[in-house]
Amino acid sequence: IILGPMPDADDMVSFFRERAKDLGVLSNTC
């Protein structure tokens, strides 16, 4: 199912880590 991280995943998370109040993940997974 999992092919790998999206190409811009690190940059996207870093962008919000620096600018948003907080961030998290809500995932249907196993």
PDB file of all heavy atoms in Angstrom:
ATOM      1  N   ILE A   1       0.836  -1.205   0.000  1.00  0.00           N
ATOM      2  CA  ILE A   1       0.000   0.000   0.000  1.00  0.00           C
ATOM      3  C   ILE A   1       0.867   1.249   0.000  1.00  0.00           C
ATOM      4  O   ILE A   1       0.592   2.227  -0.700  1.00  0.00           O
ATOM      5  CB  ILE A   1      -0.933   0.004   1.234  1.00  0.00           C
ATOM      6  CG1 ILE A   1      -1.974  -1.111   1.130  1.00  0.00           C
ATOM      7  CG2 ILE A   1      -1.616   1.364   1.400  1.00  0.00           C
ATOM      8  CD1 ILE A   1      -2.838  -1.243   2.380  1.00  0.00           C
ATOM      9  N   ILE A   2       1.917   1.224   0.801  1.00  0.00           N
ATOM     10  CA  ILE A   2       2.736   2.422   1.018  1.00  0.00           C
ATOM     11  C   ILE A   2       3.914   2.435   0.060  1.00  0.00           C
ATOM     12  O   ILE A   2       4.757   1.542   0.071  1.00  0.00           O
ATOM     13  CB  ILE A   2       3.221   2.475   2.472  1.00  0.00           C
ATOM     14  CG1 ILE A   2       2.027   2.528   3.419  1.00  0.00           C
ATOM     15  CG2 ILE A   2       4.137   3.675   2.688  1.00  0.00           C
ATOM     16  CD1 ILE A   2       2.379   2.369   4.868  1.00  0.00           C
ATOM     17  N   LEU A   3       3.969   3.480  -0.768  1.00  0.00           N
ATOM     18  CA  LEU A   3       5.051   3.626  -1.737  1.00  0.00           C
ATOM     19  C   LEU A   3       6.189   4.482  -1.200  1.00  0.00           C
ATOM     20  O   LEU A   3       7.309   4.407  -1.698  1.00  0.00           O
ATOM     21  CB  LEU A   3       4.508   4.235  -3.032  1.00  0.00           C
ATOM     22  CG  LEU A   3       3.400   3.436  -3.718  1.00  0.00           C
ATOM     23  CD1 LEU A   3       2.903   4.178  -4.956  1.00  0.00           C
ATOM     24  CD2 LEU A   3       3.861   2.036  -4.080  1.00  0.00           C
ATOM     25  N   GLY A   4       5.893   5.299  -0.184  1.00  0.00           N
ATOM     26  CA  GLY A   4       6.916   6.159   0.394  1.00  0.00           C
ATOM     27  C   GLY A   4       6.336   7.516   0.729  1.00  0.00           C
ATOM     28  O   GLY A   4       5.158   7.786   0.483  1.00  0.00           O
ATOM     29  N   PRO A   5       7.146   8.402   1.296  1.00  0.00           N
ATOM     30  CA  PRO A   5       6.665   9.750   1.603  1.00  0.00           C
ATOM     31  C   PRO A   5       6.449  10.553   0.323  1.00  0.00           C
ATOM     32  O   PRO A   5       7.125  10.336  -0.682  1.00  0.00           O
ATOM     33  CB  PRO A   5       7.789  10.351   2.448  1.00  0.00           C
ATOM     34  CG  PRO A   5       9.002   9.583   2.049  1.00  0.00           C
ATOM     35  CD  PRO A   5       8.549   8.203   1.692  1.00  0.00           C
ATOM     36  N   MET A   6       5.492  11.464   0.352  1.00  0.00           N
ATOM     37  CA  MET A   6       5.330  12.399  -0.750  1.00  0.00           C
ATOM     38  C   MET A   6       6.623  13.212  -0.912  1.00  0.00           C
ATOM     39  O   MET A   6       7.322  13.485   0.078  1.00  0.00           O
ATOM     40  CB  MET A   6       4.158  13.343  -0.490  1.00  0.00           C
ATOM     41  CG  MET A   6       2.800  12.688  -0.590  1.00  0.00           C
ATOM     42  SD  MET A   6       2.399  12.247  -2.296  1.00  0.00           S
ATOM     43  CE  MET A   6       0.685  11.721  -2.099  1.00  0.00           C
ATOM     44  N   PRO A   7       6.964  13.608  -2.135  1.00  0.00           N
ATOM     45  CA  PRO A   7       8.237  14.320  -2.356  1.00  0.00           C
ATOM     46  C   PRO A   7       8.402  15.571  -1.502  1.00  0.00           C
ATOM     47  O   PRO A   7       9.523  15.920  -1.128  1.00  0.00           O
ATOM     48  CB  PRO A   7       8.179  14.674  -3.854  1.00  0.00           C
ATOM     49  CG  PRO A   7       7.275  13.645  -4.451  1.00  0.00           C
ATOM     50  CD  PRO A   7       6.247  13.343  -3.400  1.00  0.00           C
ATOM     51  N   ASP A   8       7.283  16.254  -1.216  1.00  0.00           N
ATOM     52  CA  ASP A   8       7.381  17.506  -0.461  1.00  0.00           C
ATOM     53  C   ASP A   8       6.917  17.370   0.987  1.00  0.00           C
ATOM     54  O   ASP A   8       6.659  18.369   1.655  1.00  0.00           O
ATOM     55  CB  ASP A   8       6.592  18.609  -1.158  1.00  0.00           C
ATOM     56  CG  ASP A   8       5.192  18.151  -1.589  1.00  0.00           C
ATOM     57  OD1 ASP A   8       4.794  17.041  -1.179  1.00  0.00           O
ATOM     58  OD2 ASP A   8       4.525  18.894  -2.333  1.00  0.00           O
ATOM     59  N   ALA A   9       6.837  16.136   1.487  1.00  0.00           N
ATOM     60  CA  ALA A   9       6.311  15.923   2.837  1.00  0.00           C
ATOM     61  C   ALA A   9       7.157  16.619   3.904  1.00  0.00           C
ATOM     62  O   ALA A   9       6.624  17.293   4.790  1.00  0.00           O
ATOM     63  CB  ALA A   9       6.208  14.429   3.133  1.00  0.00           C
ATOM     64  N   ASP A  10       8.479  16.487   3.828  1.00  0.00           N
ATOM     65  CA  ASP A  10       9.350  17.109   4.835  1.00  0.00           C
ATOM     66  C   ASP A  10       9.209  18.628   4.823  1.00  0.00           C
ATOM     67  O   ASP A  10       9.090  19.257   5.884  1.00  0.00           O
ATOM     68  CB  ASP A  10      10.810  16.719   4.596  1.00  0.00           C
ATOM     69  CG  ASP A  10      11.118  15.305   5.051  1.00  0.00           C
ATOM     70  OD1 ASP A  10      11.284  15.105   6.260  1.00  0.00           O
ATOM     71  OD2 ASP A  10      11.173  14.402   4.200  1.00  0.00           O
ATOM     72  N   ASP A  11       9.202  19.205   3.620  1.00  0.00           N
ATOM     73  CA  ASP A  11       9.090  20.663   3.513  1.00  0.00           C
ATOM     74  C   ASP A  11       7.742  21.149   4.026  1.00  0.00           C
ATOM     75  O   ASP A  11       7.654  22.195   4.686  1.00  0.00           O
ATOM     76  CB  ASP A  11       9.267  21.099   2.056  1.00  0.00           C
ATOM     77  CG  ASP A  11      10.693  20.912   1.557  1.00  0.00           C
ATOM     78  OD1 ASP A  11      11.602  20.798   2.399  1.00  0.00           O
ATOM     79  OD2 ASP A  11      10.880  20.871   0.328  1.00  0.00           O
ATOM     80  N   MET A  12       6.701  20.390   3.732  1.00  0.00           N
ATOM     81  CA  MET A  12       5.363  20.802   4.140  1.00  0.00           C
ATOM     82  C   MET A  12       5.211  20.769   5.665  1.00  0.00           C
ATOM     83  O   MET A  12       4.701  21.714   6.270  1.00  0.00           O
ATOM     84  CB  MET A  12       4.328  19.878   3.480  1.00  0.00           C
ATOM     85  CG  MET A  12       2.911  20.343   3.601  1.00  0.00           C
ATOM     86  SD  MET A  12       1.842  19.596   2.330  1.00  0.00           S
ATOM     87  CE  MET A  12       2.309  17.869   2.386  1.00  0.00           C
ATOM     88  N   VAL A  13       5.668  19.698   6.279  1.00  0.00           N
ATOM     89  CA  VAL A  13       5.574  19.592   7.734  1.00  0.00           C
ATOM     90  C   VAL A  13       6.438  20.668   8.393  1.00  0.00           C
ATOM     91  O   VAL A  13       6.023  21.307   9.364  1.00  0.00           O
ATOM     92  CB  VAL A  13       5.982  18.183   8.205  1.00  0.00           C
ATOM     93  CG1 VAL A  13       6.057  18.129   9.730  1.00  0.00           C
ATOM     94  CG2 VAL A  13       4.985  17.146   7.700  1.00  0.00           C
ATOM     95  N   SER A  14       7.626  20.889   7.861  1.00  0.00           N
ATOM     96  CA  SER A  14       8.507  21.925   8.407  1.00  0.00           C
ATOM     97  C   SER A  14       7.867  23.307   8.308  1.00  0.00           C
ATOM     98  O   SER A  14       7.942  24.113   9.244  1.00  0.00           O
ATOM     99  CB  SER A  14       9.843  21.907   7.656  1.00  0.00           C
ATOM    100  OG  SER A  14      10.696  22.916   8.130  1.00  0.00           O
ATOM    101  N   PHE A  15       7.221  23.587   7.183  1.00  0.00           N
ATOM    102  CA  PHE A  15       6.551  24.870   6.976  1.00  0.00           C
ATOM    103  C   PHE A  15       5.534  25.128   8.084  1.00  0.00           C
ATOM    104  O   PHE A  15       5.499  26.210   8.690  1.00  0.00           O
ATOM    105  CB  PHE A  15       5.867  24.859   5.606  1.00  0.00           C
ATOM    106  CG  PHE A  15       5.046  26.076   5.308  1.00  0.00           C
ATOM    107  CD1 PHE A  15       5.626  27.192   4.723  1.00  0.00           C
ATOM    108  CD2 PHE A  15       3.688  26.114   5.598  1.00  0.00           C
ATOM    109  CE1 PHE A  15       4.873  28.325   4.446  1.00  0.00           C
ATOM    110  CE2 PHE A  15       2.927  27.234   5.323  1.00  0.00           C
ATOM    111  CZ  PHE A  15       3.516  28.347   4.753  1.00  0.00           C
ATOM    112  N   PHE A  16       4.717  24.134   8.381  1.00  0.00           N
ATOM    113  CA  PHE A  16       3.683  24.314   9.397  1.00  0.00           C
ATOM    114  C   PHE A  16       4.248  24.247  10.808  1.00  0.00           C
ATOM    115  O   PHE A  16       3.746  24.928  11.713  1.00  0.00           O
ATOM    116  CB  PHE A  16       2.581  23.270   9.221  1.00  0.00           C
ATOM    117  CG  PHE A  16       1.665  23.566   8.076  1.00  0.00           C
ATOM    118  CD1 PHE A  16       1.671  22.766   6.944  1.00  0.00           C
ATOM    119  CD2 PHE A  16       0.804  24.647   8.118  1.00  0.00           C
ATOM    120  CE1 PHE A  16       0.825  23.037   5.874  1.00  0.00           C
ATOM    121  CE2 PHE A  16      -0.043  24.933   7.062  1.00  0.00           C
ATOM    122  CZ  PHE A  16      -0.033  24.122   5.937  1.00  0.00           C
ATOM    123  N   ARG A  17       5.276  23.457  11.000  1.00  0.00           N
ATOM    124  CA  ARG A  17       5.902  23.380  12.321  1.00  0.00           C
ATOM    125  C   ARG A  17       6.392  24.753  12.757  1.00  0.00           C
ATOM    126  O   ARG A  17       6.309  25.118  13.938  1.00  0.00           O
ATOM    127  CB  ARG A  17       7.059  22.383  12.259  1.00  0.00           C
ATOM    128  CG  ARG A  17       7.809  22.143  13.554  1.00  0.00           C
ATOM    129  CD  ARG A  17       7.074  21.173  14.458  1.00  0.00           C
ATOM    130  NE  ARG A  17       6.067  21.818  15.289  1.00  0.00           N
ATOM    131  CZ  ARG A  17       5.137  21.181  15.973  1.00  0.00           C
ATOM    132  NH1 ARG A  17       5.017  19.873  15.922  1.00  0.00           N
ATOM    133  NH2 ARG A  17       4.281  21.827  16.714  1.00  0.00           N
ATOM    134  N   GLU A  18       6.878  25.532  11.807  1.00  0.00           N
ATOM    135  CA  GLU A  18       7.431  26.854  12.106  1.00  0.00           C
ATOM    136  C   GLU A  18       6.364  27.937  12.216  1.00  0.00           C
ATOM    137  O   GLU A  18       6.579  28.946  12.891  1.00  0.00           O
ATOM    138  CB  GLU A  18       8.425  27.255  11.010  1.00  0.00           C
ATOM    139  CG  GLU A  18       9.671  26.381  10.964  1.00  0.00           C
ATOM    140  CD  GLU A  18      10.523  26.655   9.732  1.00  0.00           C
ATOM    141  OE1 GLU A  18      10.133  27.544   8.934  1.00  0.00           O
ATOM    142  OE2 GLU A  18      11.555  25.985   9.559  1.00  0.00           O
ATOM    143  N   ARG A  19       5.203  27.747  11.569  1.00  0.00           N
ATOM    144  CA  ARG A  19       4.257  28.855  11.440  1.00  0.00           C
ATOM    145  C   ARG A  19       2.909  28.643  12.116  1.00  0.00           C
ATOM    146  O   ARG A  19       2.249  29.619  12.485  1.00  0.00           O
ATOM    147  CB  ARG A  19       4.009  29.131   9.939  1.00  0.00           C
ATOM    148  CG  ARG A  19       5.231  29.646   9.205  1.00  0.00           C
ATOM    149  CD  ARG A  19       5.007  29.622   7.696  1.00  0.00           C
ATOM    150  NE  ARG A  19       6.125  30.214   6.957  1.00  0.00           N
ATOM    151  CZ  ARG A  19       7.235  29.554   6.665  1.00  0.00           C
ATOM    152  NH1 ARG A  19       7.363  28.288   7.040  1.00  0.00           N
ATOM    153  NH2 ARG A  19       8.201  30.162   6.005  1.00  0.00           N
ATOM    154  N   ALA A  20       2.463  27.415  12.257  1.00  0.00           N
ATOM    155  CA  ALA A  20       1.139  27.149  12.828  1.00  0.00           C
ATOM    156  C   ALA A  20       1.207  27.092  14.353  1.00  0.00           C
ATOM    157  O   ALA A  20       2.282  26.948  14.954  1.00  0.00           O
ATOM    158  CB  ALA A  20       0.580  25.841  12.284  1.00  0.00           C
ATOM    159  N   LYS A  21       0.048  27.180  14.974  1.00  0.00           N
ATOM    160  CA  LYS A  21      -0.032  27.062  16.429  1.00  0.00           C
ATOM    161  C   LYS A  21       0.400  25.677  16.879  1.00  0.00           C
ATOM    162  O   LYS A  21       1.109  25.510  17.880  1.00  0.00           O
ATOM    163  CB  LYS A  21      -1.465  27.349  16.892  1.00  0.00           C
ATOM    164  CG  LYS A  21      -1.685  27.222  18.382  1.00  0.00           C
ATOM    165  CD  LYS A  21      -3.127  27.545  18.758  1.00  0.00           C
ATOM    166  CE  LYS A  21      -3.344  27.417  20.254  1.00  0.00           C
ATOM    167  NZ  LYS A  21      -4.772  27.728  20.615  1.00  0.00           N
ATOM    168  N   ASP A  22      -0.028  24.659  16.133  1.00  0.00           N
ATOM    169  CA  ASP A  22       0.327  23.274  16.443  1.00  0.00           C
ATOM    170  C   ASP A  22       0.015  22.436  15.216  1.00  0.00           C
ATOM    171  O   ASP A  22      -0.648  22.903  14.279  1.00  0.00           O
ATOM    172  CB  ASP A  22      -0.464  22.773  17.648  1.00  0.00           C
ATOM    173  CG  ASP A  22       0.242  21.641  18.398  1.00  0.00           C
ATOM    174  OD1 ASP A  22       1.238  21.107  17.852  1.00  0.00           O
ATOM    175  OD2 ASP A  22      -0.187  21.303  19.510  1.00  0.00           O
ATOM    176  N   LEU A  23       0.496  21.206  15.207  1.00  0.00           N
ATOM    177  CA  LEU A  23       0.134  20.292  14.122  1.00  0.00           C
ATOM    178  C   LEU A  23       0.137  18.870  14.615  1.00  0.00           C
ATOM    179  O   LEU A  23       0.800  18.529  15.598  1.00  0.00           O
ATOM    180  CB  LEU A  23       1.061  20.471  12.912  1.00  0.00           C
ATOM    181  CG  LEU A  23       2.542  20.094  13.014  1.00  0.00           C
ATOM    182  CD1 LEU A  23       2.751  18.607  12.722  1.00  0.00           C
ATOM    183  CD2 LEU A  23       3.359  20.908  12.032  1.00  0.00           C
ATOM    184  N   GLY A  24      -0.648  18.049  13.919  1.00  0.00           N
ATOM    185  CA  GLY A  24      -0.750  16.651  14.287  1.00  0.00           C
ATOM    186  C   GLY A  24      -1.250  15.823  13.124  1.00  0.00           C
ATOM    187  O   GLY A  24      -1.403  16.311  12.005  1.00  0.00           O
ATOM    188  N   VAL A  25      -1.506  14.562  13.405  1.00  0.00           N
ATOM    189  CA  VAL A  25      -1.933  13.598  12.392  1.00  0.00           C
ATOM    190  C   VAL A  25      -3.176  12.873  12.883  1.00  0.00           C
ATOM    191  O   VAL A  25      -3.284  12.515  14.061  1.00  0.00           O
ATOM    192  CB  VAL A  25      -0.806  12.572  12.116  1.00  0.00           C
ATOM    193  CG1 VAL A  25      -1.333  11.339  11.391  1.00  0.00           C
ATOM    194  CG2 VAL A  25       0.313  13.213  11.322  1.00  0.00           C
ATOM    195  N   LEU A  26      -4.125  12.677  11.964  1.00  0.00           N
ATOM    196  CA  LEU A  26      -5.319  11.866  12.220  1.00  0.00           C
ATOM    197  C   LEU A  26      -5.427  10.887  11.064  1.00  0.00           C
ATOM    198  O   LEU A  26      -5.754  11.276   9.939  1.00  0.00           O
ATOM    199  CB  LEU A  26      -6.560  12.754  12.307  1.00  0.00           C
ATOM    200  CG  LEU A  26      -7.919  12.055  12.471  1.00  0.00           C
ATOM    201  CD1 LEU A  26      -7.944  11.177  13.718  1.00  0.00           C
ATOM    202  CD2 LEU A  26      -9.035  13.086  12.508  1.00  0.00           C
ATOM    203  N   SER A  27      -5.137   9.610  11.329  1.00  0.00           N
ATOM    204  CA  SER A  27      -4.998   8.654  10.231  1.00  0.00           C
ATOM    205  C   SER A  27      -5.721   7.341  10.511  1.00  0.00           C
ATOM    206  O   SER A  27      -5.598   6.771  11.603  1.00  0.00           O
ATOM    207  CB  SER A  27      -3.513   8.356   9.986  1.00  0.00           C
ATOM    208  OG  SER A  27      -3.345   7.392   8.973  1.00  0.00           O
ATOM    209  N   ASN A  28      -6.451   6.875   9.507  1.00  0.00           N
ATOM    210  CA  ASN A  28      -6.959   5.507   9.512  1.00  0.00           C
ATOM    211  C   ASN A  28      -5.822   4.608   9.046  1.00  0.00           C
ATOM    212  O   ASN A  28      -5.410   4.660   7.880  1.00  0.00           O
ATOM    213  CB  ASN A  28      -8.147   5.355   8.561  1.00  0.00           C
ATOM    214  CG  ASN A  28      -9.377   6.093   9.028  1.00  0.00           C
ATOM    215  OD1 ASN A  28      -9.424   6.608  10.150  1.00  0.00           O
ATOM    216  ND2 ASN A  28     -10.391   6.152   8.183  1.00  0.00           N
ATOM    217  N   THR A  29      -5.296   3.797   9.939  1.00  0.00           N
ATOM    218  CA  THR A  29      -4.127   2.996   9.599  1.00  0.00           C
ATOM    219  C   THR A  29      -4.099   1.739  10.463  1.00  0.00           C
ATOM    220  O   THR A  29      -5.091   1.392  11.094  1.00  0.00           O
ATOM    221  CB  THR A  29      -2.847   3.841   9.761  1.00  0.00           C
ATOM    222  OG1 THR A  29      -1.732   3.110   9.227  1.00  0.00           O
ATOM    223  CG2 THR A  29      -2.581   4.219  11.210  1.00  0.00           C
ATOM    224  N   CYS A  30      -2.979   1.063  10.473  1.00  0.00           N
ATOM    225  CA  CYS A  30      -2.869  -0.188  11.220  1.00  0.00           C
ATOM    226  C   CYS A  30      -1.427  -0.368  11.688  1.00  0.00           C
ATOM    227  O   CYS A  30      -0.510   0.325  11.241  1.00  0.00           O
ATOM    228  CB  CYS A  30      -3.309  -1.374  10.356  1.00  0.00           C
ATOM    229  SG  CYS A  30      -2.286  -1.601   8.877  1.00  0.00           S
TER     230      CYS A  30
END
